[in-house]
Amino acid sequence: LKDGMERGLADGKAEGKAEGESKIVTIIRKKRQKNLNVQMIAENLELDASYVEKVVALMEEDPTRTDLQVAEILVRQE
């Protein structure tokens, strides 16, 4: 029972984190659509360029991925 509760709590936290990350992914996607490069996006959003690179790579790897799917992958990689 305790393991199940802990697992459920961890899943809930991961889901919440992915939802928050998806908002950032959405903004990065919009900036890419305006033809901004990774460095410009990172500077504009005050994010680490390597993070923006990961997001862009995941979007380009599979253009059908939603922002939430990209965010879920990022959260799992942490």
N, C-alpha and C. Protein backbone atom coordinates (compact mmCIF):
# COMPACT_ATOMS: atom_id res chain seq x y z
N LEU A 1 0.84 -1.20 0.00
CA LEU A 1 0.00 0.00 0.00
C LEU A 1 0.87 1.26 0.00
N LYS A 2 1.89 1.24 0.86
CA LYS A 2 2.78 2.40 0.94
C LYS A 2 3.53 2.61 -0.37
N ASP A 3 4.01 1.50 -0.98
CA ASP A 3 4.71 1.61 -2.26
C ASP A 3 3.79 2.18 -3.34
N GLY A 4 2.55 1.75 -3.34
CA GLY A 4 1.58 2.24 -4.32
C GLY A 4 1.33 3.73 -4.16
N MET A 5 1.23 4.17 -2.91
CA MET A 5 1.01 5.60 -2.66
C MET A 5 2.21 6.42 -3.10
N GLU A 6 3.41 5.92 -2.79
CA GLU A 6 4.62 6.64 -3.17
C GLU A 6 4.76 6.70 -4.69
N ARG A 7 4.43 5.59 -5.34
CA ARG A 7 4.51 5.55 -6.80
C ARG A 7 3.49 6.52 -7.41
N GLY A 8 2.30 6.55 -6.84
CA GLY A 8 1.26 7.46 -7.32
C GLY A 8 1.66 8.92 -7.13
N LEU A 9 2.28 9.21 -6.00
CA LEU A 9 2.74 10.57 -5.73
C LEU A 9 3.83 10.96 -6.72
N ALA A 10 4.76 10.05 -6.96
CA ALA A 10 5.85 10.32 -7.91
C ALA A 10 5.29 10.53 -9.32
N ASP A 11 4.32 9.70 -9.70
CA ASP A 11 3.70 9.85 -11.02
C ASP A 11 3.00 11.20 -11.14
N GLY A 12 2.32 11.61 -10.08
CA GLY A 12 1.63 12.89 -10.08
C GLY A 12 2.58 14.06 -10.20
N LYS A 13 3.70 13.97 -9.49
CA LYS A 13 4.71 15.03 -9.58
C LYS A 13 5.30 15.10 -10.99
N ALA A 14 5.60 13.94 -11.56
CA ALA A 14 6.16 13.91 -12.92
C ALA A 14 5.17 14.49 -13.92
N GLU A 15 3.89 14.15 -13.75
CA GLU A 15 2.86 14.66 -14.66
C GLU A 15 2.75 16.18 -14.55
N GLY A 16 2.77 16.68 -13.32
CA GLY A 16 2.70 18.13 -13.11
C GLY A 16 3.90 18.84 -13.68
N LYS A 17 5.07 18.23 -13.49
CA LYS A 17 6.29 18.83 -14.03
C LYS A 17 6.24 18.85 -15.55
N ALA A 18 5.75 17.77 -16.16
CA ALA A 18 5.65 17.70 -17.62
C ALA A 18 4.69 18.77 -18.14
N GLU A 19 3.59 19.00 -17.42
CA GLU A 19 2.64 20.02 -17.85
C GLU A 19 3.29 21.41 -17.80
N GLY A 20 4.08 21.67 -16.77
CA GLY A 20 4.80 22.94 -16.68
C GLY A 20 5.83 23.08 -17.78
N GLU A 21 6.57 22.00 -18.01
CA GLU A 21 7.59 22.01 -19.07
C GLU A 21 6.95 22.23 -20.43
N SER A 22 5.75 21.70 -20.62
CA SER A 22 5.10 21.82 -21.93
C SER A 22 4.82 23.28 -22.28
N LYS A 23 4.60 24.11 -21.28
CA LYS A 23 4.38 25.54 -21.54
C LYS A 23 5.66 26.16 -22.11
N ILE A 24 6.80 25.77 -21.56
CA ILE A 24 8.08 26.27 -22.07
C ILE A 24 8.33 25.74 -23.48
N VAL A 25 8.02 24.46 -23.69
CA VAL A 25 8.20 23.85 -25.01
C VAL A 25 7.34 24.59 -26.04
N THR A 26 6.13 24.94 -25.66
CA THR A 26 5.23 25.68 -26.55
C THR A 26 5.85 27.02 -26.97
N ILE A 27 6.42 27.72 -26.00
CA ILE A 27 7.05 29.01 -26.30
C ILE A 27 8.26 28.81 -27.22
N ILE A 28 9.06 27.78 -26.94
CA ILE A 28 10.23 27.50 -27.79
C ILE A 28 9.78 27.18 -29.21
N ARG A 29 8.70 26.38 -29.34
CA ARG A 29 8.19 26.04 -30.68
C ARG A 29 7.77 27.32 -31.43
N LYS A 30 7.09 28.21 -30.74
CA LYS A 30 6.64 29.46 -31.38
C LYS A 30 7.83 30.31 -31.83
N LYS A 31 8.86 30.34 -31.00
CA LYS A 31 10.06 31.11 -31.36
C LYS A 31 10.75 30.49 -32.57
N ARG A 32 10.78 29.15 -32.65
CA ARG A 32 11.38 28.47 -33.80
C ARG A 32 10.59 28.78 -35.07
N GLN A 33 9.27 28.86 -34.94
CA GLN A 33 8.43 29.17 -36.10
C GLN A 33 8.69 30.58 -36.61
N LYS A 34 9.23 31.42 -35.73
CA LYS A 34 9.62 32.78 -36.14
C LYS A 34 11.06 32.81 -36.62
N ASN A 35 11.63 31.62 -36.85
CA ASN A 35 12.99 31.45 -37.37
C ASN A 35 14.09 31.96 -36.44
N LEU A 36 13.84 31.94 -35.14
CA LEU A 36 14.91 32.28 -34.19
C LEU A 36 15.78 31.05 -33.99
N ASN A 37 17.09 31.27 -33.85
CA ASN A 37 17.97 30.13 -33.62
C ASN A 37 18.03 29.80 -32.12
N VAL A 38 18.67 28.69 -31.81
CA VAL A 38 18.72 28.19 -30.43
C VAL A 38 19.30 29.24 -29.48
N GLN A 39 20.39 29.85 -29.88
CA GLN A 39 21.05 30.84 -29.02
C GLN A 39 20.14 32.03 -28.73
N MET A 40 19.45 32.51 -29.76
CA MET A 40 18.55 33.66 -29.58
C MET A 40 17.39 33.29 -28.66
N ILE A 41 16.85 32.09 -28.84
CA ILE A 41 15.74 31.64 -27.99
C ILE A 41 16.21 31.55 -26.54
N ALA A 42 17.36 30.94 -26.34
CA ALA A 42 17.90 30.78 -24.99
C ALA A 42 18.09 32.14 -24.32
N GLU A 43 18.64 33.09 -25.06
CA GLU A 43 18.85 34.43 -24.50
C GLU A 43 17.52 35.12 -24.20
N ASN A 44 16.58 35.04 -25.13
CA ASN A 44 15.27 35.70 -24.94
C ASN A 44 14.52 35.14 -23.74
N LEU A 45 14.60 33.83 -23.55
CA LEU A 45 13.84 33.18 -22.47
C LEU A 45 14.67 32.97 -21.21
N GLU A 46 15.93 33.40 -21.27
CA GLU A 46 16.86 33.21 -20.15
C GLU A 46 16.94 31.74 -19.74
N LEU A 47 17.11 30.89 -20.75
CA LEU A 47 17.26 29.45 -20.55
C LEU A 47 18.65 29.03 -20.98
N ASP A 48 19.07 27.88 -20.49
CA ASP A 48 20.34 27.32 -20.91
C ASP A 48 20.23 26.87 -22.37
N ALA A 49 21.21 27.21 -23.17
CA ALA A 49 21.18 26.88 -24.60
C ALA A 49 21.12 25.37 -24.82
N SER A 50 21.75 24.59 -23.95
CA SER A 50 21.72 23.13 -24.12
C SER A 50 20.31 22.58 -23.92
N TYR A 51 19.54 23.20 -23.02
CA TYR A 51 18.15 22.78 -22.81
C TYR A 51 17.33 23.08 -24.07
N VAL A 52 17.49 24.27 -24.61
CA VAL A 52 16.76 24.66 -25.82
C VAL A 52 17.15 23.73 -26.97
N GLU A 53 18.43 23.39 -27.07
CA GLU A 53 18.89 22.45 -28.10
C GLU A 53 18.19 21.10 -27.99
N LYS A 54 18.05 20.60 -26.75
CA LYS A 54 17.36 19.31 -26.53
C LYS A 54 15.92 19.39 -27.00
N VAL A 55 15.25 20.47 -26.63
CA VAL A 55 13.85 20.64 -27.01
C VAL A 55 13.71 20.68 -28.52
N VAL A 56 14.54 21.47 -29.17
CA VAL A 56 14.48 21.61 -30.62
C VAL A 56 14.78 20.27 -31.29
N ALA A 57 15.78 19.55 -30.78
CA ALA A 57 16.13 18.24 -31.35
C ALA A 57 14.96 17.27 -31.24
N LEU A 58 14.28 17.26 -30.10
CA LEU A 58 13.13 16.36 -29.93
C LEU A 58 11.99 16.74 -30.87
N MET A 59 11.79 18.03 -31.08
CA MET A 59 10.73 18.48 -31.99
C MET A 59 11.07 18.11 -33.43
N GLU A 60 12.32 18.28 -33.81
CA GLU A 60 12.73 17.99 -35.19
C GLU A 60 12.82 16.49 -35.45
N GLU A 61 13.16 15.72 -34.42
CA GLU A 61 13.26 14.26 -34.55
C GLU A 61 11.92 13.66 -34.95
N ASP A 62 10.84 14.19 -34.38
CA ASP A 62 9.49 13.72 -34.70
C ASP A 62 8.54 14.91 -34.68
N PRO A 63 8.34 15.54 -35.83
CA PRO A 63 7.49 16.74 -35.89
C PRO A 63 6.04 16.52 -35.45
N THR A 64 5.61 15.26 -35.35
CA THR A 64 4.23 15.00 -34.93
C THR A 64 4.07 15.01 -33.41
N ARG A 65 5.19 15.08 -32.68
CA ARG A 65 5.10 15.11 -31.20
C ARG A 65 4.42 16.39 -30.74
N THR A 66 3.57 16.23 -29.75
CA THR A 66 2.96 17.40 -29.14
C THR A 66 3.95 18.02 -28.16
N ASP A 67 3.65 19.22 -27.73
CA ASP A 67 4.51 19.88 -26.75
C ASP A 67 4.54 19.08 -25.44
N LEU A 68 3.40 18.51 -25.06
CA LEU A 68 3.36 17.70 -23.84
C LEU A 68 4.21 16.45 -23.99
N GLN A 69 4.18 15.81 -25.15
CA GLN A 69 5.01 14.62 -25.37
C GLN A 69 6.49 14.96 -25.28
N VAL A 70 6.88 16.09 -25.86
CA VAL A 70 8.28 16.53 -25.76
C VAL A 70 8.64 16.75 -24.29
N ALA A 71 7.75 17.42 -23.57
CA ALA A 71 8.00 17.70 -22.15
C ALA A 71 8.11 16.42 -21.34
N GLU A 72 7.26 15.44 -21.62
CA GLU A 72 7.32 14.16 -20.89
C GLU A 72 8.66 13.47 -21.13
N ILE A 73 9.16 13.53 -22.34
CA ILE A 73 10.48 12.94 -22.64
C ILE A 73 11.56 13.66 -21.84
N LEU A 74 11.49 14.97 -21.81
CA LEU A 74 12.48 15.75 -21.06
C LEU A 74 12.45 15.41 -19.57
N VAL A 75 11.26 15.27 -19.01
CA VAL A 75 11.13 14.94 -17.59
C VAL A 75 11.70 13.56 -17.31
N ARG A 76 11.44 12.60 -18.20
CA ARG A 76 11.97 11.24 -18.01
C ARG A 76 13.49 11.22 -18.10
N GLN A 77 14.07 12.12 -18.87
CA GLN A 77 15.53 12.16 -19.05
C GLN A 77 16.25 12.76 -17.85
N GLU A 78 15.52 13.45 -16.99
CA GLU A 78 16.16 14.09 -15.83
C GLU A 78 16.62 13.08 -14.81
